[in-house]
Protein backbone atom coordinates (compact mmCIF):
# COMPACT_ATOMS: atom_id res chain seq x y z
CA UNK A 1 -227.23 1.92 72.89
CA UNK A 2 -223.49 1.89 73.62
CA UNK A 3 -223.18 -0.43 70.47
CA UNK A 4 -225.29 1.29 68.40
CA UNK A 5 -222.67 4.33 69.49
CA UNK A 6 -220.38 2.38 68.64
CA UNK A 7 -220.58 2.11 65.29
CA UNK A 8 -221.41 5.27 64.44
CA UNK A 9 -218.28 6.77 66.08
CA UNK A 10 -216.70 4.18 63.81
CA UNK A 11 -218.07 5.36 60.89
CA UNK A 12 -217.16 8.77 61.98
CA UNK A 13 -213.66 8.28 61.80
CA UNK A 14 -213.67 6.20 58.37
CA UNK A 15 -215.49 9.43 56.61
CA UNK A 16 -212.91 11.35 58.58
CA UNK A 17 -209.69 10.32 57.29
CA UNK A 18 -211.42 9.10 53.39
CA UNK A 19 -210.93 12.27 52.04
CA UNK A 20 -212.86 11.18 49.13
CA UNK A 21 -215.70 10.18 51.16
CA UNK A 22 -219.02 10.18 49.60
CA UNK A 23 -221.43 13.13 50.43
CA UNK A 24 -224.03 11.35 51.33
CA UNK A 25 -222.89 8.55 53.21
CA UNK A 26 -221.38 11.75 55.37
CA UNK A 27 -224.89 13.82 55.70
CA UNK A 28 -226.68 10.08 57.41
CA UNK A 29 -223.53 9.87 59.57
CA UNK A 30 -223.80 13.83 61.06
CA UNK A 31 -227.12 13.44 60.77
CA UNK A 32 -227.62 10.72 62.83
CA UNK A 33 -224.80 11.96 65.37
CA UNK A 34 -226.50 14.78 65.31
CA UNK A 35 -229.73 13.33 67.14
CA UNK A 36 -227.69 11.65 68.99
CA UNK A 37 -226.03 15.74 70.40
CA UNK A 38 -229.66 17.27 70.70
CA UNK A 39 -230.62 14.87 73.04
CA UNK A 40 -227.44 14.64 75.39
CA UNK A 41 -226.60 10.44 74.32
CA UNK A 42 -222.88 11.65 72.87
CA UNK A 43 -220.81 15.18 73.58
CA UNK A 44 -217.88 16.44 72.53
CA UNK A 45 -216.72 16.80 76.03
CA UNK A 46 -217.14 14.74 79.51
CA UNK A 47 -215.85 14.39 82.60
CA UNK A 48 -212.74 12.00 83.47
CA UNK A 49 -211.90 12.02 86.55
CA UNK A 50 -208.58 10.01 85.49
CA UNK A 51 -208.31 12.95 83.45
CA UNK A 52 -205.87 15.79 85.38
CA UNK A 53 -208.09 18.59 84.14
CA UNK A 54 -210.80 16.05 85.24
CA UNK A 55 -212.56 15.98 81.82
CA UNK A 56 -211.48 14.65 77.91
CA UNK A 57 -212.18 15.79 75.08
CA UNK A 58 -214.64 13.07 71.97
CA UNK A 59 -212.18 14.23 69.58
CA UNK A 60 -215.00 11.89 67.04
CA UNK A 61 -217.90 13.56 67.89
CA UNK A 62 -215.82 16.78 66.81
CA UNK A 63 -214.45 15.29 64.10
CA UNK A 64 -218.32 14.58 63.44
CA UNK A 65 -219.74 18.39 63.59
CA UNK A 66 -217.08 18.69 61.08
CA UNK A 67 -218.69 16.09 58.60
CA UNK A 68 -221.95 18.22 58.96
CA UNK A 69 -220.00 21.45 57.34
CA UNK A 70 -218.26 19.70 54.94
CA UNK A 71 -221.23 17.38 53.21
CA UNK A 72 -224.17 20.24 53.10
CA UNK A 73 -224.30 22.19 50.62
CA UNK A 74 -225.51 26.23 51.16
CA UNK A 75 -229.67 26.47 51.47
CA UNK A 76 -232.24 28.67 51.76
CA UNK A 77 -233.02 29.22 55.48
CA UNK A 78 -234.75 32.30 55.52
CA UNK A 79 -238.17 32.87 57.58
CA UNK A 80 -240.69 35.53 56.78
CA UNK A 81 -241.66 34.36 53.41
CA UNK A 82 -238.07 36.12 52.20
CA UNK A 83 -238.60 38.55 54.30
CA UNK A 84 -236.27 37.84 57.44
CA UNK A 85 -233.31 36.07 55.42
CA UNK A 86 -230.66 33.32 56.31
CA UNK A 87 -228.32 31.23 54.30
CA UNK A 88 -226.63 28.23 56.10
CA UNK A 89 -225.40 25.00 55.08
CA UNK A 90 -228.81 22.27 55.08
CA UNK A 91 -227.27 20.36 57.31
CA UNK A 92 -227.23 22.69 60.22
CA UNK A 93 -230.56 23.69 61.24
CA UNK A 94 -232.15 25.25 63.95
CA UNK A 95 -233.30 23.01 67.26
CA UNK A 96 -236.92 21.70 66.93
CA UNK A 97 -237.74 22.63 70.27
CA UNK A 98 -241.11 22.19 71.94
CA UNK A 99 -243.25 22.80 74.61
CA UNK A 100 -242.65 19.15 76.08
CA UNK A 101 -239.03 20.07 76.01
CA UNK A 102 -239.54 22.29 78.91
CA UNK A 103 -236.90 24.55 77.61
CA UNK A 104 -238.25 28.75 78.08
CA UNK A 105 -237.37 30.85 74.79
CA UNK A 106 -238.48 33.81 74.92
CA UNK A 107 -239.73 35.55 71.84
CA UNK A 108 -237.48 38.13 70.45
CA UNK A 109 -234.99 36.42 67.80
CA UNK A 110 -232.86 33.30 69.22
CA UNK A 111 -231.37 30.55 68.20
CA UNK A 112 -230.34 27.27 69.31
CA UNK A 113 -228.27 25.14 66.64
CA UNK A 114 -229.67 21.80 65.98
CA UNK A 115 -227.25 19.48 67.57
CA UNK A 116 -227.46 20.73 71.09
CA UNK A 117 -228.49 20.02 74.01
CA UNK A 118 -230.45 21.62 75.90
CA UNK A 119 -231.61 20.05 79.17
CA UNK A 120 -234.94 20.96 81.45
CA UNK A 121 -235.89 24.02 82.66
CA UNK A 122 -233.17 26.06 81.11
CA UNK A 123 -234.15 29.02 79.86
CA UNK A 124 -232.88 31.44 77.04
CA UNK A 125 -233.75 35.18 76.93
CA UNK A 126 -233.94 36.79 73.55
CA UNK A 127 -231.81 37.39 72.35
CA UNK A 128 -228.97 34.78 72.40
CA UNK A 129 -227.29 32.18 70.84
CA UNK A 130 -226.02 28.35 70.84
CA UNK A 131 -224.03 26.47 68.93
CA UNK A 132 -224.18 22.68 67.45
CA UNK A 133 -222.61 20.11 69.58
CA UNK A 134 -222.47 22.59 73.56
CA UNK A 135 -224.26 20.83 75.99
CA UNK A 136 -227.12 23.33 78.62
CA UNK A 137 -227.43 21.59 81.31
CA UNK A 138 -230.91 22.07 83.64
CA UNK A 139 -231.84 24.45 85.41
CA UNK A 140 -229.29 27.07 83.61
CA UNK A 141 -231.02 30.71 82.19
CA UNK A 142 -228.40 32.77 78.95
CA UNK A 143 -229.83 35.17 78.92
CA UNK A 144 -229.71 38.77 76.59
CA UNK A 145 -226.12 38.25 74.48
CA UNK A 146 -224.58 35.76 75.54
CA UNK A 147 -223.18 33.16 73.27
CA UNK A 148 -223.03 29.03 74.02
CA UNK A 149 -219.98 28.21 71.82
CA UNK A 150 -220.27 24.60 68.98
CA UNK A 151 -219.31 21.92 71.59
CA UNK A 152 -218.77 24.45 74.97
CA UNK A 153 -219.71 21.87 78.08
CA UNK A 154 -222.33 24.10 80.11
CA UNK A 155 -223.29 22.15 84.16
CA UNK A 156 -226.57 23.24 85.32
CA UNK A 157 -228.05 26.21 87.36
CA UNK A 158 -225.11 28.40 84.82
CA UNK A 159 -226.10 31.72 85.74
CA UNK A 160 -224.39 32.51 82.13
CA UNK A 161 -225.41 36.98 82.41
CA UNK A 162 -225.81 38.72 79.70
CA UNK A 163 -223.44 39.77 76.43
CA UNK A 164 -221.07 36.87 78.01
CA UNK A 165 -218.75 35.23 75.91
CA UNK A 166 -218.56 31.52 75.95
CA UNK A 167 -216.38 30.24 73.53
CA UNK A 168 -216.40 26.42 71.88
CA UNK A 169 -213.83 25.56 70.65
CA UNK A 170 -214.28 23.13 68.01
CA UNK A 171 -211.40 22.43 66.01
CA UNK A 172 -208.41 21.86 66.85
CA UNK A 173 -209.92 18.34 67.18
CA UNK A 174 -208.09 17.59 69.89
CA UNK A 175 -208.84 20.49 71.93
CA UNK A 176 -211.27 20.35 75.34
CA UNK A 177 -213.44 23.21 74.66
CA UNK A 178 -214.67 25.14 77.21
CA UNK A 179 -215.84 24.42 80.39
CA UNK A 180 -218.76 25.31 83.26
CA UNK A 181 -219.72 23.59 85.48
CA UNK A 182 -222.80 23.34 87.79
CA UNK A 183 -224.08 26.32 90.07
CA UNK A 184 -221.03 29.20 88.41
CA UNK A 185 -222.10 33.12 87.59
CA UNK A 186 -221.24 34.00 85.03
CA UNK A 187 -221.12 38.00 84.34
CA UNK A 188 -222.20 40.52 82.04
CA UNK A 189 -220.50 40.46 79.36
CA UNK A 190 -217.40 38.16 80.33
CA UNK A 191 -215.21 36.47 77.98
CA UNK A 192 -213.94 32.21 78.94
CA UNK A 193 -212.46 31.12 75.78
CA UNK A 194 -209.71 28.40 74.75
CA UNK A 195 -210.92 25.91 76.81
CA UNK A 196 -210.65 27.21 79.56
CA UNK A 197 -211.95 25.34 82.92
CA UNK A 198 -214.59 26.92 85.62
CA UNK A 199 -215.05 25.06 88.34
CA UNK A 200 -218.51 24.36 90.64
CA UNK A 201 -220.05 27.31 92.31
CA UNK A 202 -217.10 29.85 90.80
CA UNK A 203 -218.13 33.71 90.41
CA UNK A 204 -216.35 35.11 87.49
CA UNK A 205 -217.72 39.13 87.93
CA UNK A 206 -218.62 41.10 85.08
CA UNK A 207 -216.41 42.01 82.44
CA UNK A 208 -213.85 39.40 83.29
CA UNK A 209 -211.39 37.09 80.35
CA UNK A 210 -210.01 34.23 80.59
CA UNK A 211 -208.64 33.31 77.58
CA UNK A 212 -207.07 29.14 78.08
CA UNK A 213 -203.42 30.68 78.50
CA UNK A 214 -204.29 33.42 81.65
CA UNK A 215 -203.39 33.28 84.91
CA UNK A 216 -204.95 34.61 87.17
CA UNK A 217 -204.09 35.94 90.95
CA UNK A 218 -205.44 34.37 93.69
CA UNK A 219 -205.34 36.50 96.65
CA UNK A 220 -206.49 34.13 99.31
CA UNK A 221 -203.87 31.71 98.94
CA UNK A 222 -201.13 33.97 98.00
CA UNK A 223 -200.22 31.97 94.80
CA UNK A 224 -200.65 32.35 90.94
CA UNK A 225 -202.54 29.39 88.70
CA UNK A 226 -200.87 29.00 85.39
CA UNK A 227 -202.34 27.00 82.37
CA UNK A 228 -199.57 24.00 83.56
CA UNK A 229 -198.45 22.50 79.61
CA UNK A 230 -200.75 20.16 77.63
CA UNK A 231 -203.44 21.15 79.96
CA UNK A 232 -206.04 24.17 80.13
CA UNK A 233 -206.29 27.06 82.73
CA UNK A 234 -208.51 25.69 85.69
CA UNK A 235 -210.54 28.01 87.67
CA UNK A 236 -211.30 25.81 91.10
CA UNK A 237 -214.18 25.78 92.73
CA UNK A 238 -216.12 28.62 94.64
CA UNK A 239 -213.46 30.77 93.23
CA UNK A 240 -214.86 34.72 92.79
CA UNK A 241 -213.40 36.50 90.24
CA UNK A 242 -212.98 39.78 89.06
CA UNK A 243 -211.17 41.77 86.41
CA UNK A 244 -207.54 43.23 87.82
CA UNK A 245 -204.75 45.25 86.47
CA UNK A 246 -200.88 43.78 86.94
CA UNK A 247 -198.12 47.02 86.08
CA UNK A 248 -195.95 46.64 84.30
CA UNK A 249 -192.04 46.50 85.83
CA UNK A 250 -190.07 46.29 83.10
CA UNK A 251 -188.40 48.27 79.70
CA UNK A 252 -190.60 51.42 78.13
CA UNK A 253 -194.12 50.05 80.19
CA UNK A 254 -192.62 51.34 83.47
CA UNK A 255 -191.70 53.83 82.34
CA UNK A 256 -195.44 55.11 80.80
CA UNK A 257 -196.26 53.22 83.97
CA UNK A 258 -198.55 50.59 82.32
CA UNK A 259 -200.53 48.36 83.53
CA UNK A 260 -201.27 45.06 81.64
CA UNK A 261 -205.90 43.45 82.50
CA UNK A 262 -205.18 40.83 85.23
CA UNK A 263 -208.29 38.47 86.64
CA UNK A 264 -207.87 38.41 90.32
CA UNK A 265 -209.09 35.94 92.99
CA UNK A 266 -211.10 38.18 95.52
CA UNK A 267 -212.27 35.31 97.86
CA UNK A 268 -214.08 32.13 97.81
CA UNK A 269 -217.57 31.26 97.92
CA UNK A 270 -218.61 29.62 101.03
CA UNK A 271 -222.17 29.01 102.50
CA UNK A 272 -222.45 32.12 105.01
CA UNK A 273 -221.03 34.18 103.19
CA UNK A 274 -222.54 36.90 100.21
CA UNK A 275 -220.97 37.40 97.49
CA UNK A 276 -221.96 40.44 96.28
CA UNK A 277 -221.96 42.28 99.61
CA UNK A 278 -217.75 40.69 99.26
CA UNK A 279 -217.36 41.64 95.35
CA UNK A 280 -218.17 45.55 96.36
CA UNK A 281 -215.72 44.77 99.47
CA UNK A 282 -212.84 44.95 97.76
CA UNK A 283 -213.45 46.50 93.79
CA UNK A 284 -214.07 49.77 96.41
């Protein structure tokens, strides 16, 4: 299998570098990549102990996904005999799920693009959306109106609450996508973007917004967690992050009493502490 994937990688890189590449050849290479992504044989990013962030991006995979957009033709993908009209690139069909995949897709308008991986026991509550290149681990729940963006990496047993937005980052190809590790709780109406990494067992409370350049104020350890140059924001393991505010201390902002939204770590999860109780105590 590794030899087949190495050959696919070489082909994708060659076609991506050729502005005059044959369209049919691009479509064939992309179809093979899409199948490998759907089966979890390749990923847009993967764990890497040698990396400072613990993850590395597979740029060739993202280049291959972009080949699919480049080689595709706009096609009629309407449903219900055309009464529900959809038009998209013909290289980007919906994922052909079957009962034996052991994935629960509740009726009500959810969509998963082919080229996304869903592990066994994933639950998709309507309407939710998973884009191409995303990886969703076993036992994860994606709640109503939630988005898992292109190339986002989501671990096992994650709870992505209603209306949460997990950004992807397909371009630039060298940029790490958003990573949500195992056993994370992502609260409702949260937004996690620009390649931020959320370590295992962290809790991101409802309404929190995190980006790759967002500083996080850790009240427990009395420190500010900020991205290091060239590396993404990393929310520590077990951190409980809630929306906060930080007063502007200079210029007109100080005079007007302006505050800026700021994510704050109020505690860390442990086996003896009920997370919900801890959250309520700080919020009160």
